[in-house]
Every structure is written in C-alpha cells, then in structure tokens.
Amino acid sequence: MKQLKKLISDKKSLLCVGLDTDMAKIPAHLLKEEDPIFAFNKAIIEATHCFAVAYKPNTAFYEAYGERGWSSLKKTIAYLNEYYPDIFTIADAKRGDIGNTSSRYAKAFFEDLNFDSVTVAPYMGKDSVEPFLAFKDKYTILLALTSNEGAYDFQTQLVDGEPLYKKILRTSLGWKNSEQLMYVVGATKAEYLKEIRQIVPHHFLLVPGVGAQGGSLEEVCSYGMNEDYGLLINSSRGIIYASEKEDFAEVAAQKAAELQQEMAKFIK
C-alpha cells in the first residue's frame, strides 16, 4: 500500500480507469488490428497513465471472447506491469467459491496474470475469501455495498438488527490476513460512507459509480477519505468511450485529466 499511497500523493489523483473493453464500442479503425482489444487498451493506457493510479479490467469483457479475449487480457496486464509497474492493477472478476476452487482463482489472477488485486464476492464466507488473502503482497477487494439497484435486495437488509453489508465488514475484519482486504462501496451510496469508515477506518475503498451512474465525487471524498487517502475512484465508460472516433485516446486523456483535477482539490 505504501507504493499506492505515494502514487496518489505524487499524482494528486485517486483515479482508477476501468478497462471494460467491448468490441462493439471501440473505434472502427481498430478492428483492422491483429488484436483490437489490446490495441484499444494500450492506446487508452498511454493516454491516461499520467492521471491514473490504477487500472481495472472487468474480466467478463475478455472472457466473452474466449481464448482470444483472455489473450488480450494477458497482454494488457503484461504491458501495464512492464511499462507502468507502480500503477495498481485490479482484476474485476467478482469470484466467490470455497477451498481449492478459490485457491485456483487466486493463483490465476495473482500468479499467472500477476494482478495486484482481485474483486471477490463474500456470500460464501471466510473459506471463500481467505484463500485469496493467503497470497502475500496481494489484495482482495470484497464486495460490500455496491452501486446497482439490486443492492437493496440483500445488502441493506437487517440481520440481527444490523444491515448485512455492515455485518460483512465487521466479520471480514476477523479473517486471517484481513489487513490485505479492500472493499467495494458504490458512489451512489455515498451517504453510507461515514458509517462504513467507522467500521473500516484504515482500509482502501474501491468506489465505482462516479459520473455516468450519478455518484458525487465531492461526497465520496468528504465521507470516504482517510489519513492515507484510502480511496480508488473508478471511471470506465466516461473515459474510455468518451469518443468513438480516431481521437478516442486524446478525448479519454482530457476526461481523465478533468477528473484528476477535481480529485486534486481533496488531496493534501
């Protein structure tokens, strides 16, 4: 985490760029490339890396294309690790199983692909999460309170008088290597951040939903930031699909710069 905190301080940025790369949405001229997905990702990274402290490929957008898509994902993370090794990488995979299955998932993302972190669903409890936490110097990002409408179906329901998401937070702190946990908290749930910070004051939060989904950057920073910054704020569509033309990378850089400048106001 020291490296990530330094990067946030140096760049005056909390920006995580989501690489949710869809072949149907990338500029048409890239479809002539041998690997259009990697060509798109590489151009986005080159254009935005000076404003971003993290990148988050959503693995579904790669798995959907089978072996070809998985190859694009491997090339993307290898490129980041080689040319921008200080930047934090997140596999947005939302895995969740038990025992050896979780260990295999963790091995795939932490060893084979060499991501710094992976998102994990907590529904099956500690024996589905601790296998991820067993990997030294790697981080597990637990889904706590998400930004989607269906979050209210379960996450805010009372269990023994306490909302389920709070019970997840409190319980997870008792798991082995819990210092390697981070949590997903949606920006559209910014009003909950103050109470969440009372439970997990020192952990990093990954916050999607600013911008396209209506979340407020000011509210997220006001309620969610701690003495170590403690926030990664994700933007995907608002940056990578800001233009469908050949100037897509240039426009993505402009959008990333605008977000970074707004974030800088909250970073001392």
Foldseek 3Di string as FASTA:
>chain_A
DVLLLVLCQVLVALEEEELLDAPVQAAPVLVVPPQSSLVLLVLQCVLAVSLAQEYEYACVSQCVVPPSSVVSLLVNLVVCCVPPVSRAYEYADQAWDADPVLLVVLCCVCPVSNHQEYEYEQPVHQRRPVSNLVDPSHAYEYEQQEDDPCSVVQQQDDDVRGGNSLVSLQRLVPHPNSQRYEYEHELNVLVCLQVSCVSVVDAAYEYECPDPNPGDPVSCLVRHQHPSGRYRYYDYCVQQNVDNHPCNSVSSSVSSVVNSVVSSVSHD
